Amino acid sequence: MKVFELREKSRQELTDLLNHLHKEKFNLLLRRGAQELPNPLRMKTLRRDIARIETVLQEDELGTRKLLEPNKTPIKDKRQKAKGENEKGKGKGRKEKDKGKKEKEKG
């Protein structure tokens, strides 16, 4: 689970997800004591996901980063924004610039 995906969720969704992950971790701990786990790496990913969610909640609580409000749309990635500007014609790619120069030389 990526951090930007977590920041798009509300506080209630994050706490629900955190409770679910804690329950899953507890069940895996019990199963590990009784038998071999089918996927031992799941424990590692659970620990890290729990830490990520707790970090995002702590950041929101301290005010260093705010969670996305439920009625707002997510912020676009910088790469998507730059790509959108090129499609609108605000910026030209290298091939388009070279093409324009060749046309000017011919005409």
PDB file of N, CA and C in Angstrom:
ATOM      1  N   MET A   1       0.841  -1.164   0.000  1.00  0.00           N
ATOM      2  CA  MET A   1       0.000   0.000   0.000  1.00  0.00           C
ATOM      3  C   MET A   1       0.896   1.240   0.000  1.00  0.00           C
ATOM      4  N   LYS A   2       0.639   2.148  -0.899  1.00  0.00           N
ATOM      5  CA  LYS A   2       1.457   3.345  -1.034  1.00  0.00           C
ATOM      6  C   LYS A   2       0.932   4.455  -0.138  1.00  0.00           C
ATOM      7  N   VAL A   3       1.820   5.361   0.257  1.00  0.00           N
ATOM      8  CA  VAL A   3       1.447   6.436   1.162  1.00  0.00           C
ATOM      9  C   VAL A   3       0.458   7.386   0.509  1.00  0.00           C
ATOM     10  N   PHE A   4       0.638   7.687  -0.787  1.00  0.00           N
ATOM     11  CA  PHE A   4      -0.289   8.617  -1.431  1.00  0.00           C
ATOM     12  C   PHE A   4      -1.697   8.037  -1.498  1.00  0.00           C
ATOM     13  N   GLU A   5      -1.812   6.706  -1.556  1.00  0.00           N
ATOM     14  CA  GLU A   5      -3.140   6.078  -1.523  1.00  0.00           C
ATOM     15  C   GLU A   5      -3.774   6.260  -0.153  1.00  0.00           C
ATOM     16  N   LEU A   6      -2.955   6.180   0.893  1.00  0.00           N
ATOM     17  CA  LEU A   6      -3.468   6.342   2.250  1.00  0.00           C
ATOM     18  C   LEU A   6      -3.911   7.774   2.513  1.00  0.00           C
ATOM     19  N   ARG A   7      -3.190   8.733   1.964  1.00  0.00           N
ATOM     20  CA  ARG A   7      -3.531  10.135   2.202  1.00  0.00           C
ATOM     21  C   ARG A   7      -4.824  10.540   1.509  1.00  0.00           C
ATOM     22  N   GLU A   8      -5.268   9.762   0.543  1.00  0.00           N
ATOM     23  CA  GLU A   8      -6.526  10.051  -0.140  1.00  0.00           C
ATOM     24  C   GLU A   8      -7.738   9.560   0.654  1.00  0.00           C
ATOM     25  N   LYS A   9      -7.496   8.787   1.706  1.00  0.00           N
ATOM     26  CA  LYS A   9      -8.592   8.229   2.497  1.00  0.00           C
ATOM     27  C   LYS A   9      -8.910   9.137   3.674  1.00  0.00           C
ATOM     28  N   SER A  10     -10.117   9.000   4.192  1.00  0.00           N
ATOM     29  CA  SER A  10     -10.512   9.784   5.362  1.00  0.00           C
ATOM     30  C   SER A  10      -9.964   9.141   6.630  1.00  0.00           C
ATOM     31  N   ARG A  11     -10.040   9.872   7.721  1.00  0.00           N
ATOM     32  CA  ARG A  11      -9.552   9.372   9.008  1.00  0.00           C
ATOM     33  C   ARG A  11     -10.308   8.112   9.419  1.00  0.00           C
ATOM     34  N   GLN A  12     -11.622   8.077   9.192  1.00  0.00           N
ATOM     35  CA  GLN A  12     -12.427   6.917   9.560  1.00  0.00           C
ATOM     36  C   GLN A  12     -12.024   5.678   8.755  1.00  0.00           C
ATOM     37  N   GLU A  13     -11.802   5.859   7.459  1.00  0.00           N
ATOM     38  CA  GLU A  13     -11.373   4.739   6.617  1.00  0.00           C
ATOM     39  C   GLU A  13     -10.020   4.199   7.076  1.00  0.00           C
ATOM     40  N   LEU A  14      -9.121   5.106   7.452  1.00  0.00           N
ATOM     41  CA  LEU A  14      -7.798   4.672   7.903  1.00  0.00           C
ATOM     42  C   LEU A  14      -7.871   3.910   9.218  1.00  0.00           C
ATOM     43  N   THR A  15      -8.697   4.367  10.148  1.00  0.00           N
ATOM     44  CA  THR A  15      -8.806   3.650  11.420  1.00  0.00           C
ATOM     45  C   THR A  15      -9.461   2.283  11.223  1.00  0.00           C
ATOM     46  N   ASP A  16     -10.438   2.193  10.321  1.00  0.00           N
ATOM     47  CA  ASP A  16     -11.045   0.894  10.014  1.00  0.00           C
ATOM     48  C   ASP A  16     -10.016  -0.060   9.405  1.00  0.00           C
ATOM     49  N   LEU A  17      -9.247   0.458   8.473  1.00  0.00           N
ATOM     50  CA  LEU A  17      -8.208  -0.353   7.831  1.00  0.00           C
ATOM     51  C   LEU A  17      -7.145  -0.780   8.848  1.00  0.00           C
ATOM     52  N   LEU A  18      -6.788   0.116   9.756  1.00  0.00           N
ATOM     53  CA  LEU A  18      -5.804  -0.200  10.784  1.00  0.00           C
ATOM     54  C   LEU A  18      -6.305  -1.319  11.695  1.00  0.00           C
ATOM     55  N   ASN A  19      -7.566  -1.251  12.095  1.00  0.00           N
ATOM     56  CA  ASN A  19      -8.147  -2.310  12.932  1.00  0.00           C
ATOM     57  C   ASN A  19      -8.149  -3.648  12.200  1.00  0.00           C
ATOM     58  N   HIS A  20      -8.489  -3.612  10.926  1.00  0.00           N
ATOM     59  CA  HIS A  20      -8.509  -4.838  10.121  1.00  0.00           C
ATOM     60  C   HIS A  20      -7.105  -5.449  10.033  1.00  0.00           C
ATOM     61  N   LEU A  21      -6.098  -4.607   9.811  1.00  0.00           N
ATOM     62  CA  LEU A  21      -4.724  -5.118   9.699  1.00  0.00           C
ATOM     63  C   LEU A  21      -4.219  -5.673  11.025  1.00  0.00           C
ATOM     64  N   HIS A  22      -4.587  -5.033  12.139  1.00  0.00           N
ATOM     65  CA  HIS A  22      -4.186  -5.553  13.450  1.00  0.00           C
ATOM     66  C   HIS A  22      -4.804  -6.936  13.699  1.00  0.00           C
ATOM     67  N   LYS A  23      -6.077  -7.102  13.322  1.00  0.00           N
ATOM     68  CA  LYS A  23      -6.733  -8.403  13.490  1.00  0.00           C
ATOM     69  C   LYS A  23      -6.057  -9.471  12.628  1.00  0.00           C
ATOM     70  N   GLU A  24      -5.726  -9.094  11.390  1.00  0.00           N
ATOM     71  CA  GLU A  24      -5.066 -10.042  10.490  1.00  0.00           C
ATOM     72  C   GLU A  24      -3.689 -10.435  11.035  1.00  0.00           C
ATOM     73  N   LYS A  25      -2.963  -9.458  11.573  1.00  0.00           N
ATOM     74  CA  LYS A  25      -1.647  -9.747  12.147  1.00  0.00           C
ATOM     75  C   LYS A  25      -1.780 -10.684  13.347  1.00  0.00           C
ATOM     76  N   PHE A  26      -2.767 -10.450  14.186  1.00  0.00           N
ATOM     77  CA  PHE A  26      -2.994 -11.305  15.350  1.00  0.00           C
ATOM     78  C   PHE A  26      -3.296 -12.739  14.917  1.00  0.00           C
ATOM     79  N   ASN A  27      -4.160 -12.893  13.909  1.00  0.00           N
ATOM     80  CA  ASN A  27      -4.493 -14.227  13.412  1.00  0.00           C
ATOM     81  C   ASN A  27      -3.271 -14.937  12.840  1.00  0.00           C
ATOM     82  N   LEU A  28      -2.424 -14.195  12.143  1.00  0.00           N
ATOM     83  CA  LEU A  28      -1.206 -14.803  11.597  1.00  0.00           C
ATOM     84  C   LEU A  28      -0.243 -15.207  12.714  1.00  0.00           C
ATOM     85  N   LEU A  29      -0.175 -14.409  13.778  1.00  0.00           N
ATOM     86  CA  LEU A  29       0.692 -14.770  14.911  1.00  0.00           C
ATOM     87  C   LEU A  29       0.219 -16.068  15.555  1.00  0.00           C
ATOM     88  N   LEU A  30      -1.091 -16.220  15.718  1.00  0.00           N
ATOM     89  CA  LEU A  30      -1.623 -17.455  16.288  1.00  0.00           C
ATOM     90  C   LEU A  30      -1.349 -18.650  15.372  1.00  0.00           C
ATOM     91  N   ARG A  31      -1.539 -18.451  14.083  1.00  0.00           N
ATOM     92  CA  ARG A  31      -1.316 -19.535  13.138  1.00  0.00           C
ATOM     93  C   ARG A  31       0.153 -19.910  13.065  1.00  0.00           C
ATOM     94  N   ARG A  32       1.032 -18.909  13.204  1.00  0.00           N
ATOM     95  CA  ARG A  32       2.471 -19.181  13.147  1.00  0.00           C
ATOM     96  C   ARG A  32       2.913 -20.065  14.314  1.00  0.00           C
ATOM     97  N   GLY A  33       2.260 -19.892  15.473  1.00  0.00           N
ATOM     98  CA  GLY A  33       2.600 -20.727  16.622  1.00  0.00           C
ATOM     99  C   GLY A  33       2.161 -22.166  16.445  1.00  0.00           C
ATOM    100  N   ALA A  34       1.077 -22.376  15.703  1.00  0.00           N
ATOM    101  CA  ALA A  34       0.535 -23.725  15.543  1.00  0.00           C
ATOM    102  C   ALA A  34       1.095 -24.451  14.323  1.00  0.00           C
ATOM    103  N   GLN A  35       1.339 -23.716  13.269  1.00  0.00           N
ATOM    104  CA  GLN A  35       1.781 -24.351  12.020  1.00  0.00           C
ATOM    105  C   GLN A  35       2.597 -23.363  11.202  1.00  0.00           C
ATOM    106  N   GLU A  36       3.099 -23.829  10.083  1.00  0.00           N
ATOM    107  CA  GLU A  36       3.878 -22.981   9.198  1.00  0.00           C
ATOM    108  C   GLU A  36       2.946 -22.077   8.400  1.00  0.00           C
ATOM    109  N   LEU A  37       3.353 -20.824   8.213  1.00  0.00           N
ATOM    110  CA  LEU A  37       2.532 -19.878   7.456  1.00  0.00           C
ATOM    111  C   LEU A  37       2.668 -20.133   5.955  1.00  0.00           C
ATOM    112  N   PRO A  38       1.574 -19.990   5.212  1.00  0.00           N
ATOM    113  CA  PRO A  38       1.662 -20.172   3.765  1.00  0.00           C
ATOM    114  C   PRO A  38       2.481 -19.061   3.094  1.00  0.00           C
ATOM    115  N   ASN A  39       2.414 -17.842   3.655  1.00  0.00           N
ATOM    116  CA  ASN A  39       3.166 -16.726   3.095  1.00  0.00           C
ATOM    117  C   ASN A  39       3.815 -15.952   4.253  1.00  0.00           C
ATOM    118  N   PRO A  40       5.039 -16.303   4.632  1.00  0.00           N
ATOM    119  CA  PRO A  40       5.675 -15.652   5.777  1.00  0.00           C
ATOM    120  C   PRO A  40       5.975 -14.171   5.553  1.00  0.00           C
ATOM    121  N   LEU A  41       6.104 -13.751   4.302  1.00  0.00           N
ATOM    122  CA  LEU A  41       6.376 -12.341   4.022  1.00  0.00           C
ATOM    123  C   LEU A  41       5.172 -11.445   4.319  1.00  0.00           C
ATOM    124  N   ARG A  42       4.002 -12.047   4.470  1.00  0.00           N
ATOM    125  CA  ARG A  42       2.807 -11.261   4.782  1.00  0.00           C
ATOM    126  C   ARG A  42       2.955 -10.548   6.126  1.00  0.00           C
ATOM    127  N   MET A  43       3.656 -11.167   7.076  1.00  0.00           N
ATOM    128  CA  MET A  43       3.886 -10.532   8.381  1.00  0.00           C
ATOM    129  C   MET A  43       4.679  -9.234   8.205  1.00  0.00           C
ATOM    130  N   LYS A  44       5.678  -9.288   7.370  1.00  0.00           N
ATOM    131  CA  LYS A  44       6.521  -8.116   7.134  1.00  0.00           C
ATOM    132  C   LYS A  44       5.707  -6.987   6.491  1.00  0.00           C
ATOM    133  N   THR A  45       4.913  -7.319   5.481  1.00  0.00           N
ATOM    134  CA  THR A  45       4.114  -6.289   4.818  1.00  0.00           C
ATOM    135  C   THR A  45       3.037  -5.742   5.746  1.00  0.00           C
ATOM    136  N   LEU A  46       2.477  -6.590   6.595  1.00  0.00           N
ATOM    137  CA  LEU A  46       1.484  -6.113   7.559  1.00  0.00           C
ATOM    138  C   LEU A  46       2.097  -5.117   8.529  1.00  0.00           C
ATOM    139  N   ARG A  47       3.263  -5.440   9.060  1.00  0.00           N
ATOM    140  CA  ARG A  47       3.932  -4.526   9.992  1.00  0.00           C
ATOM    141  C   ARG A  47       4.199  -3.173   9.341  1.00  0.00           C
ATOM    142  N   ARG A  48       4.659  -3.216   8.114  1.00  0.00           N
ATOM    143  CA  ARG A  48       4.986  -1.965   7.417  1.00  0.00           C
ATOM    144  C   ARG A  48       3.739  -1.163   7.065  1.00  0.00           C
ATOM    145  N   ASP A  49       2.674  -1.852   6.633  1.00  0.00           N
ATOM    146  CA  ASP A  49       1.426  -1.152   6.334  1.00  0.00           C
ATOM    147  C   ASP A  49       0.833  -0.512   7.583  1.00  0.00           C
ATOM    148  N   ILE A  50       0.898  -1.227   8.699  1.00  0.00           N
ATOM    149  CA  ILE A  50       0.400  -0.672   9.964  1.00  0.00           C
ATOM    150  C   ILE A  50       1.206   0.575  10.337  1.00  0.00           C
ATOM    151  N   ALA A  51       2.513   0.510  10.176  1.00  0.00           N
ATOM    152  CA  ALA A  51       3.361   1.659  10.489  1.00  0.00           C
ATOM    153  C   ALA A  51       3.048   2.843   9.574  1.00  0.00           C
ATOM    154  N   ARG A  52       2.818   2.583   8.289  1.00  0.00           N
ATOM    155  CA  ARG A  52       2.478   3.660   7.355  1.00  0.00           C
ATOM    156  C   ARG A  52       1.183   4.352   7.753  1.00  0.00           C
ATOM    157  N   ILE A  53       0.168   3.552   8.080  1.00  0.00           N
ATOM    158  CA  ILE A  53      -1.127   4.128   8.449  1.00  0.00           C
ATOM    159  C   ILE A  53      -0.994   4.943   9.732  1.00  0.00           C
ATOM    160  N   GLU A  54      -0.277   4.408  10.718  1.00  0.00           N
ATOM    161  CA  GLU A  54      -0.098   5.145  11.968  1.00  0.00           C
ATOM    162  C   GLU A  54       0.671   6.437  11.735  1.00  0.00           C
ATOM    163  N   THR A  55       1.640   6.417  10.830  1.00  0.00           N
ATOM    164  CA  THR A  55       2.398   7.623  10.507  1.00  0.00           C
ATOM    165  C   THR A  55       1.508   8.674   9.868  1.00  0.00           C
ATOM    166  N   VAL A  56       0.685   8.270   8.916  1.00  0.00           N
ATOM    167  CA  VAL A  56      -0.219   9.215   8.242  1.00  0.00           C
ATOM    168  C   VAL A  56      -1.208   9.804   9.241  1.00  0.00           C
ATOM    169  N   LEU A  57      -1.742   8.977  10.134  1.00  0.00           N
ATOM    170  CA  LEU A  57      -2.667   9.477  11.149  1.00  0.00           C
ATOM    171  C   LEU A  57      -1.963  10.449  12.105  1.00  0.00           C
ATOM    172  N   GLN A  58      -0.733  10.148  12.471  1.00  0.00           N
ATOM    173  CA  GLN A  58       0.029  11.029  13.353  1.00  0.00           C
ATOM    174  C   GLN A  58       0.331  12.355  12.663  1.00  0.00           C
ATOM    175  N   GLU A  59       0.694  12.323  11.388  1.00  0.00           N
ATOM    176  CA  GLU A  59       0.953  13.548  10.640  1.00  0.00           C
ATOM    177  C   GLU A  59      -0.292  14.430  10.602  1.00  0.00           C
ATOM    178  N   ASP A  60      -1.445  13.802  10.392  1.00  0.00           N
ATOM    179  CA  ASP A  60      -2.695  14.556  10.352  1.00  0.00           C
ATOM    180  C   ASP A  60      -2.998  15.166  11.721  1.00  0.00           C
ATOM    181  N   GLU A  61      -2.749  14.410  12.767  1.00  0.00           N
ATOM    182  CA  GLU A  61      -3.022  14.887  14.122  1.00  0.00           C
ATOM    183  C   GLU A  61      -2.134  16.075  14.484  1.00  0.00           C
ATOM    184  N   LEU A  62      -0.861  16.006  14.104  1.00  0.00           N
ATOM    185  CA  LEU A  62       0.068  17.087  14.406  1.00  0.00           C
ATOM    186  C   LEU A  62      -0.069  18.264  13.458  1.00  0.00           C
ATOM    187  N   GLY A  63      -0.707  18.052  12.333  1.00  0.00           N
ATOM    188  CA  GLY A  63      -0.911  19.125  11.375  1.00  0.00           C
ATOM    189  C   GLY A  63       0.216  19.293  10.381  1.00  0.00           C
ATOM    190  N   THR A  64       1.171  18.363  10.332  1.00  0.00           N
ATOM    191  CA  THR A  64       2.261  18.482   9.366  1.00  0.00           C
ATOM    192  C   THR A  64       1.770  18.205   7.950  1.00  0.00           C
ATOM    193  N   ARG A  65       0.828  17.270   7.819  1.00  0.00           N
ATOM    194  CA  ARG A  65       0.186  16.993   6.532  1.00  0.00           C
ATOM    195  C   ARG A  65      -1.263  16.686   6.803  1.00  0.00           C
ATOM    196  N   LYS A  66      -2.116  17.281   6.016  1.00  0.00           N
ATOM    197  CA  LYS A  66      -3.544  17.064   6.208  1.00  0.00           C
ATOM    198  C   LYS A  66      -4.015  15.927   5.309  1.00  0.00           C
ATOM    199  N   LEU A  67      -4.979  15.180   5.806  1.00  0.00           N
ATOM    200  CA  LEU A  67      -5.616  14.149   4.994  1.00  0.00           C
ATOM    201  C   LEU A  67      -6.565  14.826   4.018  1.00  0.00           C
ATOM    202  N   LEU A  68      -6.861  14.151   2.963  1.00  0.00           N
ATOM    203  CA  LEU A  68      -7.782  14.673   1.973  1.00  0.00           C
ATOM    204  C   LEU A  68      -9.193  14.682   2.545  1.00  0.00           C
ATOM    205  N   GLU A  69      -9.879  15.792   2.362  1.00  0.00           N
ATOM    206  CA  GLU A  69     -11.264  15.857   2.842  1.00  0.00           C
ATOM    207  C   GLU A  69     -12.132  15.011   1.934  1.00  0.00           C
ATOM    208  N   PRO A  70     -13.193  14.404   2.467  1.00  0.00           N
ATOM    209  CA  PRO A  70     -13.999  13.456   1.696  1.00  0.00           C
ATOM    210  C   PRO A  70     -14.615  14.026   0.420  1.00  0.00           C
ATOM    211  N   ASN A  71     -14.936  15.322   0.374  1.00  0.00           N
ATOM    212  CA  ASN A  71     -15.616  15.866  -0.805  1.00  0.00           C
ATOM    213  C   ASN A  71     -14.660  16.433  -1.845  1.00  0.00           C
ATOM    214  N   LYS A  72     -13.366  16.428  -1.598  1.00  0.00           N
ATOM    215  CA  LYS A  72     -12.401  16.962  -2.553  1.00  0.00           C
ATOM    216  C   LYS A  72     -11.802  15.848  -3.400  1.00  0.00           C
ATOM    217  N   THR A  73     -11.367  16.219  -4.599  1.00  0.00           N
ATOM    218  CA  THR A  73     -10.724  15.254  -5.484  1.00  0.00           C
ATOM    219  C   THR A  73      -9.245  15.180  -5.142  1.00  0.00           C
ATOM    220  N   PRO A  74      -8.600  14.041  -5.391  1.00  0.00           N
ATOM    221  CA  PRO A  74      -7.182  13.914  -5.066  1.00  0.00           C
ATOM    222  C   PRO A  74      -6.316  14.817  -5.929  1.00  0.00           C
ATOM    223  N   ILE A  75      -5.173  15.206  -5.386  1.00  0.00           N
ATOM    224  CA  ILE A  75      -4.219  16.044  -6.105  1.00  0.00           C
ATOM    225  C   ILE A  75      -3.511  15.184  -7.137  1.00  0.00           C
ATOM    226  N   LYS A  76      -3.378  15.727  -8.341  1.00  0.00           N
ATOM    227  CA  LYS A  76      -2.712  14.965  -9.398  1.00  0.00           C
ATOM    228  C   LYS A  76      -1.225  14.887  -9.129  1.00  0.00           C
ATOM    229  N   ASP A  77      -0.653  13.830  -9.610  1.00  0.00           N
ATOM    230  CA  ASP A  77       0.777  13.639  -9.518  1.00  0.00           C
ATOM    231  C   ASP A  77       1.472  14.680 -10.399  1.00  0.00           C
ATOM    232  N   LYS A  78       2.665  15.120 -10.016  1.00  0.00           N
ATOM    233  CA  LYS A  78       3.382  16.138 -10.780  1.00  0.00           C
ATOM    234  C   LYS A  78       3.644  15.672 -12.211  1.00  0.00           C
ATOM    235  N   ARG A  79       3.926  14.385 -12.369  1.00  0.00           N
ATOM    236  CA  ARG A  79       4.181  13.866 -13.711  1.00  0.00           C
ATOM    237  C   ARG A  79       2.935  13.948 -14.571  1.00  0.00           C
ATOM    238  N   GLN A  80       1.767  13.667 -13.984  1.00  0.00           N
ATOM    239  CA  GLN A  80       0.527  13.745 -14.738  1.00  0.00           C
ATOM    240  C   GLN A  80       0.240  15.186 -15.128  1.00  0.00           C
ATOM    241  N   LYS A  81       0.532  16.128 -14.227  1.00  0.00           N
ATOM    242  CA  LYS A  81       0.288  17.529 -14.508  1.00  0.00           C
ATOM    243  C   LYS A  81       1.169  17.995 -15.660  1.00  0.00           C
ATOM    244  N   ALA A  82       2.444  17.624 -15.629  1.00  0.00           N
ATOM    245  CA  ALA A  82       3.364  18.011 -16.696  1.00  0.00           C
ATOM    246  C   ALA A  82       2.931  17.386 -18.017  1.00  0.00           C
ATOM    247  N   LYS A  83       2.487  16.156 -17.979  1.00  0.00           N
ATOM    248  CA  LYS A  83       2.037  15.482 -19.194  1.00  0.00           C
ATOM    249  C   LYS A  83       0.807  16.185 -19.760  1.00  0.00           C
ATOM    250  N   GLY A  84      -0.098  16.595 -18.900  1.00  0.00           N
ATOM    251  CA  GLY A  84      -1.306  17.283 -19.334  1.00  0.00           C
ATOM    252  C   GLY A  84      -0.991  18.607 -19.996  1.00  0.00           C
ATOM    253  N   GLU A  85       0.027  19.325 -19.513  1.00  0.00           N
ATOM    254  CA  GLU A  85       0.397  20.594 -20.112  1.00  0.00           C
ATOM    255  C   GLU A  85       0.917  20.385 -21.533  1.00  0.00           C
ATOM    256  N   ASN A  86       1.697  19.332 -21.753  1.00  0.00           N
ATOM    257  CA  ASN A  86       2.218  19.073 -23.087  1.00  0.00           C
ATOM    258  C   ASN A  86       1.098  18.732 -24.051  1.00  0.00           C
ATOM    259  N   GLU A  87       0.087  18.002 -23.596  1.00  0.00           N
ATOM    260  CA  GLU A  87      -1.021  17.634 -24.462  1.00  0.00           C
ATOM    261  C   GLU A  87      -1.857  18.847 -24.847  1.00  0.00           C
ATOM    262  N   LYS A  88      -1.892  19.855 -24.001  1.00  0.00           N
ATOM    263  CA  LYS A  88      -2.682  21.043 -24.284  1.00  0.00           C
ATOM    264  C   LYS A  88      -1.954  21.986 -25.232  1.00  0.00           C
ATOM    265  N   GLY A  89      -0.681  21.711 -25.504  1.00  0.00           N
ATOM    266  CA  GLY A  89       0.053  22.532 -26.444  1.00  0.00           C
ATOM    267  C   GLY A  89       0.857  23.635 -25.777  1.00  0.00           C
ATOM    268  N   LYS A  90       0.921  23.671 -24.458  1.00  0.00           N
ATOM    269  CA  LYS A  90       1.692  24.695 -23.781  1.00  0.00           C
ATOM    270  C   LYS A  90       3.181  24.446 -23.941  1.00  0.00           C
ATOM    271  N   GLY A  91       3.559  23.196 -24.017  1.00  0.00           N
ATOM    272  CA  GLY A  91       4.961  22.855 -24.191  1.00  0.00           C
ATOM    273  C   GLY A  91       5.104  21.898 -25.352  1.00  0.00           C
ATOM    274  N   LYS A  92       6.218  21.997 -26.057  1.00  0.00           N
ATOM    275  CA  LYS A  92       6.440  21.094 -27.174  1.00  0.00           C
ATOM    276  C   LYS A  92       7.566  20.142 -26.833  1.00  0.00           C
ATOM    277  N   GLY A  93       7.416  18.918 -27.312  1.00  0.00           N
ATOM    278  CA  GLY A  93       8.468  17.933 -27.131  1.00  0.00           C
ATOM    279  C   GLY A  93       9.588  18.171 -28.118  1.00  0.00           C
ATOM    280  N   ARG A  94      10.682  17.460 -27.947  1.00  0.00           N
ATOM    281  CA  ARG A  94      11.853  17.657 -28.802  1.00  0.00           C
ATOM    282  C   ARG A  94      11.550  17.341 -30.268  1.00  0.00           C
ATOM    283  N   LYS A  95      10.810  16.261 -30.509  1.00  0.00           N
ATOM    284  CA  LYS A  95      10.497  15.877 -31.885  1.00  0.00           C
ATOM    285  C   LYS A  95       9.663  16.948 -32.572  1.00  0.00           C
ATOM    286  N   GLU A  96       8.720  17.516 -31.841  1.00  0.00           N
ATOM    287  CA  GLU A  96       7.869  18.559 -32.424  1.00  0.00           C
ATOM    288  C   GLU A  96       8.681  19.803 -32.759  1.00  0.00           C
ATOM    289  N   LYS A  97       9.661  20.157 -31.914  1.00  0.00           N
ATOM    290  CA  LYS A  97      10.504  21.319 -32.173  1.00  0.00           C
ATOM    291  C   LYS A  97      11.352  21.092 -33.418  1.00  0.00           C
ATOM    292  N   ASP A  98      11.950  19.900 -33.519  1.00  0.00           N
ATOM    293  CA  ASP A  98      12.786  19.572 -34.676  1.00  0.00           C
ATOM    294  C   ASP A  98      11.956  19.580 -35.954  1.00  0.00           C
ATOM    295  N   LYS A  99      10.746  19.083 -35.877  1.00  0.00           N
ATOM    296  CA  LYS A  99       9.850  19.037 -37.029  1.00  0.00           C
ATOM    297  C   LYS A  99       9.533  20.456 -37.506  1.00  0.00           C
ATOM    298  N   GLY A 100       9.300  21.354 -36.555  1.00  0.00           N
ATOM    299  CA  GLY A 100       9.003  22.743 -36.895  1.00  0.00           C
ATOM    300  C   GLY A 100      10.181  23.427 -37.559  1.00  0.00           C
ATOM    301  N   LYS A 101      11.393  23.135 -37.108  1.00  0.00           N
ATOM    302  CA  LYS A 101      12.593  23.731 -37.692  1.00  0.00           C
ATOM    303  C   LYS A 101      12.792  23.266 -39.131  1.00  0.00           C
ATOM    304  N   LYS A 102      12.555  21.966 -39.365  1.00  0.00           N
ATOM    305  CA  LYS A 102      12.725  21.432 -40.719  1.00  0.00           C
ATOM    306  C   LYS A 102      11.731  22.035 -41.673  1.00  0.00           C
ATOM    307  N   GLU A 103      10.493  22.243 -41.216  1.00  0.00           N
ATOM    308  CA  GLU A 103       9.471  22.845 -42.072  1.00  0.00           C
ATOM    309  C   GLU A 103       9.818  24.281 -42.427  1.00  0.00           C
ATOM    310  N   LYS A 104      10.397  25.017 -41.473  1.00  0.00           N
ATOM    311  CA  LYS A 104      10.796  26.411 -41.721  1.00  0.00           C
ATOM    312  C   LYS A 104      11.939  26.463 -42.727  1.00  0.00           C
ATOM    313  N   GLU A 105      12.888  25.516 -42.638  1.00  0.00           N
ATOM    314  CA  GLU A 105      14.010  25.481 -43.558  1.00  0.00           C
ATOM    315  C   GLU A 105      13.563  25.169 -44.983  1.00  0.00           C
ATOM    316  N   LYS A 106      12.563  24.306 -45.131  1.00  0.00           N
ATOM    317  CA  LYS A 106      12.055  23.945 -46.449  1.00  0.00           C
ATOM    318  C   LYS A 106      11.311  25.104 -47.097  1.00  0.00           C
ATOM    319  N   GLY A 107      10.513  25.813 -46.270  1.00  0.00           N
ATOM    320  CA  GLY A 107       9.621  26.846 -46.790  1.00  0.00           C
ATOM    321  C   GLY A 107      10.224  28.162 -46.871  1.00  0.00           C
TER     322      GLY A 107
END
